[in-house]
Amino acid sequence: MYKQYLSAKSLIAKILEENPETRANDKLLMLEVWKKQEFVLSLEQERKFKSVMSPEVIRRTRQKIQQEGKYLPEDRVVAKRKGESNAMHDELMSEDRKAEDFSKTFLI
């Protein structure tokens, strides 16, 4: 999971560097990421995509509604999300510890 994050971070950083317009427009950033992944929309599809509600707005709104205890997913989905969240946290903490150990060993 951490490797996937690093891969995404690298790709997105490259796009942000090369295309300043993407720094303030998440929909444009998504389109550019998808193009790099060879998922290309027609011009009409791109136009429509730019006019619809952002996937992030949809996700965040769903999350807020569910935080209120409404329309919750099945227990198995909650367990899966919790497991994935814990795994990512553990991986990030492990990487932080490695960096801290490195700095103690070599940067003293």
N, C-alpha and C. Protein backbone atom coordinates (compact mmCIF):
# COMPACT_ATOMS: atom_id res chain seq x y z
N MET A 1 0.83 -1.18 0.00
CA MET A 1 0.00 0.00 0.00
C MET A 1 0.88 1.25 0.00
N TYR A 2 1.97 1.23 0.79
CA TYR A 2 2.87 2.38 0.86
C TYR A 2 3.55 2.62 -0.48
N LYS A 3 3.92 1.53 -1.16
CA LYS A 3 4.54 1.66 -2.47
C LYS A 3 3.58 2.30 -3.47
N GLN A 4 2.30 1.93 -3.39
CA GLN A 4 1.28 2.53 -4.27
C GLN A 4 1.17 4.03 -3.99
N TYR A 5 1.22 4.40 -2.71
CA TYR A 5 1.19 5.82 -2.34
C TYR A 5 2.40 6.56 -2.92
N LEU A 6 3.59 5.97 -2.80
CA LEU A 6 4.79 6.61 -3.34
C LEU A 6 4.71 6.76 -4.86
N SER A 7 4.18 5.74 -5.52
CA SER A 7 4.02 5.80 -6.97
C SER A 7 3.05 6.91 -7.37
N ALA A 8 1.93 7.00 -6.67
CA ALA A 8 0.94 8.05 -6.93
C ALA A 8 1.55 9.42 -6.65
N LYS A 9 2.27 9.53 -5.54
CA LYS A 9 2.88 10.80 -5.17
C LYS A 9 3.86 11.26 -6.24
N SER A 10 4.67 10.34 -6.73
CA SER A 10 5.65 10.66 -7.77
C SER A 10 4.97 11.14 -9.05
N LEU A 11 3.95 10.42 -9.49
CA LEU A 11 3.22 10.78 -10.71
C LEU A 11 2.55 12.14 -10.56
N ILE A 12 1.87 12.35 -9.46
CA ILE A 12 1.14 13.59 -9.25
C ILE A 12 2.09 14.77 -9.11
N ALA A 13 3.21 14.58 -8.43
CA ALA A 13 4.20 15.65 -8.31
C ALA A 13 4.74 16.05 -9.68
N LYS A 14 4.98 15.06 -10.53
CA LYS A 14 5.48 15.33 -11.88
C LYS A 14 4.46 16.15 -12.68
N ILE A 15 3.20 15.78 -12.59
CA ILE A 15 2.14 16.51 -13.31
C ILE A 15 2.02 17.93 -12.76
N LEU A 16 2.06 18.08 -11.44
CA LEU A 16 1.97 19.41 -10.83
C LEU A 16 3.14 20.29 -11.25
N GLU A 17 4.30 19.68 -11.38
CA GLU A 17 5.49 20.43 -11.81
C GLU A 17 5.36 20.87 -13.27
N GLU A 18 4.93 19.95 -14.13
CA GLU A 18 4.88 20.20 -15.57
C GLU A 18 3.68 21.05 -16.01
N ASN A 19 2.59 21.00 -15.24
CA ASN A 19 1.36 21.68 -15.66
C ASN A 19 0.82 22.52 -14.49
N PRO A 20 1.25 23.77 -14.38
CA PRO A 20 0.84 24.63 -13.26
C PRO A 20 -0.67 24.78 -13.10
N GLU A 21 -1.43 24.66 -14.19
CA GLU A 21 -2.90 24.78 -14.09
C GLU A 21 -3.48 23.71 -13.16
N THR A 22 -2.84 22.55 -13.07
CA THR A 22 -3.36 21.46 -12.25
C THR A 22 -3.20 21.73 -10.75
N ARG A 23 -2.40 22.72 -10.41
CA ARG A 23 -2.16 23.02 -8.99
C ARG A 23 -3.38 23.60 -8.30
N ALA A 24 -4.30 24.16 -9.06
CA ALA A 24 -5.49 24.78 -8.49
C ALA A 24 -6.78 24.17 -9.02
N ASN A 25 -6.68 23.06 -9.74
CA ASN A 25 -7.86 22.48 -10.36
C ASN A 25 -7.78 20.95 -10.27
N ASP A 26 -8.44 20.39 -9.26
CA ASP A 26 -8.37 18.95 -9.04
C ASP A 26 -8.94 18.14 -10.20
N LYS A 27 -9.98 18.65 -10.84
CA LYS A 27 -10.55 17.91 -11.96
C LYS A 27 -9.56 17.83 -13.11
N LEU A 28 -8.88 18.93 -13.39
CA LEU A 28 -7.85 18.92 -14.42
C LEU A 28 -6.71 17.98 -14.03
N LEU A 29 -6.35 17.99 -12.76
CA LEU A 29 -5.30 17.08 -12.27
C LEU A 29 -5.72 15.63 -12.48
N MET A 30 -6.98 15.31 -12.17
CA MET A 30 -7.47 13.94 -12.38
C MET A 30 -7.38 13.55 -13.85
N LEU A 31 -7.80 14.45 -14.72
CA LEU A 31 -7.74 14.15 -16.16
C LEU A 31 -6.30 13.89 -16.60
N GLU A 32 -5.37 14.68 -16.11
CA GLU A 32 -3.97 14.50 -16.49
C GLU A 32 -3.40 13.19 -15.93
N VAL A 33 -3.77 12.82 -14.71
CA VAL A 33 -3.34 11.54 -14.14
C VAL A 33 -3.87 10.40 -15.00
N TRP A 34 -5.14 10.47 -15.34
CA TRP A 34 -5.74 9.41 -16.15
C TRP A 34 -5.09 9.31 -17.51
N LYS A 35 -4.74 10.45 -18.11
CA LYS A 35 -4.05 10.42 -19.42
C LYS A 35 -2.72 9.69 -19.29
N LYS A 36 -1.98 9.97 -18.21
CA LYS A 36 -0.69 9.29 -18.00
C LYS A 36 -0.89 7.79 -17.82
N GLN A 37 -2.07 7.41 -17.33
CA GLN A 37 -2.39 5.99 -17.15
C GLN A 37 -3.08 5.41 -18.37
N GLU A 38 -3.09 6.17 -19.45
CA GLU A 38 -3.67 5.77 -20.73
C GLU A 38 -5.18 5.55 -20.67
N PHE A 39 -5.84 6.29 -19.77
CA PHE A 39 -7.30 6.31 -19.70
C PHE A 39 -7.72 7.67 -20.23
N VAL A 40 -8.02 7.74 -21.51
CA VAL A 40 -8.26 9.01 -22.17
C VAL A 40 -9.75 9.16 -22.49
N LEU A 41 -10.28 10.32 -22.14
CA LEU A 41 -11.67 10.63 -22.44
C LEU A 41 -11.73 11.45 -23.73
N SER A 42 -12.86 11.37 -24.40
CA SER A 42 -13.06 12.22 -25.58
C SER A 42 -13.20 13.67 -25.11
N LEU A 43 -13.11 14.61 -26.02
CA LEU A 43 -13.27 16.02 -25.66
C LEU A 43 -14.64 16.28 -25.03
N GLU A 44 -15.67 15.64 -25.55
CA GLU A 44 -17.03 15.80 -25.01
C GLU A 44 -17.10 15.22 -23.59
N GLN A 45 -16.49 14.07 -23.38
CA GLN A 45 -16.47 13.48 -22.04
C GLN A 45 -15.71 14.36 -21.05
N GLU A 46 -14.59 14.91 -21.49
CA GLU A 46 -13.83 15.83 -20.64
C GLU A 46 -14.67 17.05 -20.27
N ARG A 47 -15.38 17.61 -21.24
CA ARG A 47 -16.22 18.78 -20.99
C ARG A 47 -17.29 18.45 -19.95
N LYS A 48 -17.93 17.30 -20.12
CA LYS A 48 -18.96 16.89 -19.17
C LYS A 48 -18.37 16.64 -17.78
N PHE A 49 -17.22 15.98 -17.74
CA PHE A 49 -16.56 15.69 -16.46
C PHE A 49 -16.26 16.98 -15.70
N LYS A 50 -15.82 18.00 -16.41
CA LYS A 50 -15.48 19.28 -15.77
C LYS A 50 -16.71 19.98 -15.22
N SER A 51 -17.90 19.63 -15.70
CA SER A 51 -19.11 20.33 -15.26
C SER A 51 -19.87 19.58 -14.15
N VAL A 52 -19.49 18.36 -13.85
CA VAL A 52 -20.21 17.60 -12.82
C VAL A 52 -19.54 17.78 -11.45
N MET A 53 -20.24 17.34 -10.42
CA MET A 53 -19.74 17.44 -9.05
C MET A 53 -18.43 16.67 -8.91
N SER A 54 -17.52 17.25 -8.19
CA SER A 54 -16.20 16.65 -7.97
C SER A 54 -16.32 15.32 -7.21
N PRO A 55 -15.54 14.32 -7.59
CA PRO A 55 -15.53 13.06 -6.84
C PRO A 55 -15.16 13.27 -5.37
N GLU A 56 -14.31 14.24 -5.09
CA GLU A 56 -13.91 14.52 -3.70
C GLU A 56 -15.08 15.09 -2.90
N VAL A 57 -15.88 15.95 -3.52
CA VAL A 57 -17.07 16.48 -2.84
C VAL A 57 -18.03 15.34 -2.53
N ILE A 58 -18.21 14.45 -3.48
CA ILE A 58 -19.11 13.30 -3.28
C ILE A 58 -18.60 12.43 -2.13
N ARG A 59 -17.30 12.11 -2.16
CA ARG A 59 -16.72 11.25 -1.12
C ARG A 59 -16.81 11.90 0.26
N ARG A 60 -16.43 13.16 0.34
CA ARG A 60 -16.45 13.85 1.64
C ARG A 60 -17.87 13.98 2.19
N THR A 61 -18.82 14.27 1.32
CA THR A 61 -20.20 14.40 1.76
C THR A 61 -20.74 13.06 2.25
N ARG A 62 -20.45 11.98 1.51
CA ARG A 62 -20.84 10.64 1.97
C ARG A 62 -20.23 10.36 3.33
N GLN A 63 -18.96 10.71 3.50
CA GLN A 63 -18.27 10.46 4.75
C GLN A 63 -18.92 11.23 5.91
N LYS A 64 -19.26 12.49 5.68
CA LYS A 64 -19.92 13.30 6.72
C LYS A 64 -21.27 12.72 7.11
N ILE A 65 -22.06 12.32 6.12
CA ILE A 65 -23.37 11.72 6.39
C ILE A 65 -23.20 10.46 7.23
N GLN A 66 -22.21 9.64 6.88
CA GLN A 66 -21.99 8.40 7.62
C GLN A 66 -21.43 8.66 9.01
N GLN A 67 -20.69 9.75 9.19
CA GLN A 67 -20.21 10.12 10.53
C GLN A 67 -21.37 10.47 11.45
N GLU A 68 -22.48 10.90 10.85
CA GLU A 68 -23.70 11.18 11.62
C GLU A 68 -24.45 9.90 11.96
N GLY A 69 -23.95 8.77 11.51
CA GLY A 69 -24.57 7.48 11.79
C GLY A 69 -25.65 7.09 10.81
N LYS A 70 -25.75 7.81 9.70
CA LYS A 70 -26.79 7.52 8.71
C LYS A 70 -26.22 6.74 7.53
N TYR A 71 -27.02 5.85 7.01
CA TYR A 71 -26.72 5.13 5.76
C TYR A 71 -25.33 4.49 5.77
N LEU A 72 -25.04 3.79 6.84
CA LEU A 72 -23.73 3.18 7.00
C LEU A 72 -23.56 1.98 6.06
N PRO A 73 -22.32 1.70 5.68
CA PRO A 73 -22.07 0.53 4.84
C PRO A 73 -22.19 -0.74 5.69
N GLU A 74 -22.14 -1.87 5.02
CA GLU A 74 -22.19 -3.15 5.72
C GLU A 74 -20.99 -3.28 6.64
N ASP A 75 -21.14 -4.10 7.67
CA ASP A 75 -20.07 -4.30 8.65
C ASP A 75 -18.77 -4.75 8.00
N ARG A 76 -18.87 -5.59 6.97
CA ARG A 76 -17.65 -6.10 6.32
C ARG A 76 -16.87 -4.95 5.65
N VAL A 77 -17.60 -3.96 5.12
CA VAL A 77 -16.95 -2.81 4.49
C VAL A 77 -16.26 -1.94 5.55
N VAL A 78 -16.95 -1.74 6.68
CA VAL A 78 -16.36 -0.97 7.78
C VAL A 78 -15.09 -1.66 8.26
N ALA A 79 -15.14 -2.97 8.42
CA ALA A 79 -13.97 -3.72 8.88
C ALA A 79 -12.82 -3.62 7.87
N LYS A 80 -13.15 -3.70 6.60
CA LYS A 80 -12.12 -3.60 5.55
C LYS A 80 -11.47 -2.22 5.58
N ARG A 81 -12.29 -1.17 5.66
CA ARG A 81 -11.75 0.19 5.70
C ARG A 81 -10.86 0.39 6.91
N LYS A 82 -11.30 -0.12 8.05
CA LYS A 82 -10.51 0.01 9.28
C LYS A 82 -9.19 -0.73 9.14
N GLY A 83 -9.24 -1.93 8.57
CA GLY A 83 -8.02 -2.70 8.36
C GLY A 83 -7.05 -1.99 7.43
N GLU A 84 -7.56 -1.42 6.34
CA GLU A 84 -6.71 -0.70 5.40
C GLU A 84 -6.13 0.55 6.04
N SER A 85 -6.93 1.24 6.83
CA SER A 85 -6.46 2.44 7.51
C SER A 85 -5.35 2.09 8.50
N ASN A 86 -5.55 1.02 9.26
CA ASN A 86 -4.54 0.59 10.23
C ASN A 86 -3.26 0.15 9.53
N ALA A 87 -3.39 -0.55 8.40
CA ALA A 87 -2.21 -1.01 7.66
C ALA A 87 -1.41 0.18 7.13
N MET A 88 -2.10 1.18 6.58
CA MET A 88 -1.41 2.37 6.07
C MET A 88 -0.73 3.10 7.22
N HIS A 89 -1.41 3.23 8.34
CA HIS A 89 -0.83 3.90 9.51
C HIS A 89 0.44 3.17 9.95
N ASP A 90 0.37 1.84 10.04
CA ASP A 90 1.53 1.06 10.44
C ASP A 90 2.69 1.22 9.47
N GLU A 91 2.39 1.22 8.18
CA GLU A 91 3.45 1.38 7.17
C GLU A 91 4.09 2.76 7.28
N LEU A 92 3.26 3.79 7.44
CA LEU A 92 3.81 5.14 7.56
C LEU A 92 4.63 5.29 8.82
N MET A 93 4.17 4.73 9.92
CA MET A 93 4.93 4.79 11.17
C MET A 93 6.25 4.05 11.02
N SER A 94 6.23 2.92 10.35
CA SER A 94 7.44 2.14 10.12
C SER A 94 8.44 2.95 9.30
N GLU A 95 7.96 3.62 8.25
CA GLU A 95 8.84 4.45 7.42
C GLU A 95 9.39 5.63 8.22
N ASP A 96 8.56 6.21 9.08
CA ASP A 96 9.02 7.31 9.93
C ASP A 96 10.11 6.84 10.88
N ARG A 97 9.93 5.63 11.45
CA ARG A 97 10.94 5.08 12.37
C ARG A 97 12.24 4.82 11.63
N LYS A 98 12.16 4.31 10.40
CA LYS A 98 13.37 4.07 9.61
C LYS A 98 14.11 5.38 9.36
N ALA A 99 13.37 6.42 9.01
CA ALA A 99 13.99 7.72 8.74
C ALA A 99 14.62 8.28 10.01
N GLU A 100 13.92 8.12 11.13
CA GLU A 100 14.45 8.60 12.41
C GLU A 100 15.72 7.85 12.78
N ASP A 101 15.72 6.52 12.63
CA ASP A 101 16.90 5.72 12.92
C ASP A 101 18.06 6.12 12.03
N PHE A 102 17.78 6.37 10.75
CA PHE A 102 18.81 6.77 9.81
C PHE A 102 19.43 8.09 10.25
N SER A 103 18.56 9.04 10.60
CA SER A 103 19.09 10.35 10.99
C SER A 103 19.90 10.27 12.27
N LYS A 104 19.50 9.42 13.21
CA LYS A 104 20.27 9.24 14.44
C LYS A 104 21.62 8.63 14.16
N THR A 105 21.66 7.69 13.20
CA THR A 105 22.90 6.97 12.90
C THR A 105 23.85 7.82 12.08
N PHE A 106 23.36 8.50 11.05
CA PHE A 106 24.24 9.13 10.10
C PHE A 106 24.30 10.66 10.18
N LEU A 107 23.36 11.28 10.83
CA LEU A 107 23.31 12.73 10.81
C LEU A 107 23.64 13.35 12.17
N ILE A 108 24.24 12.60 13.02
CA ILE A 108 24.57 13.12 14.35
C ILE A 108 25.82 13.97 14.29
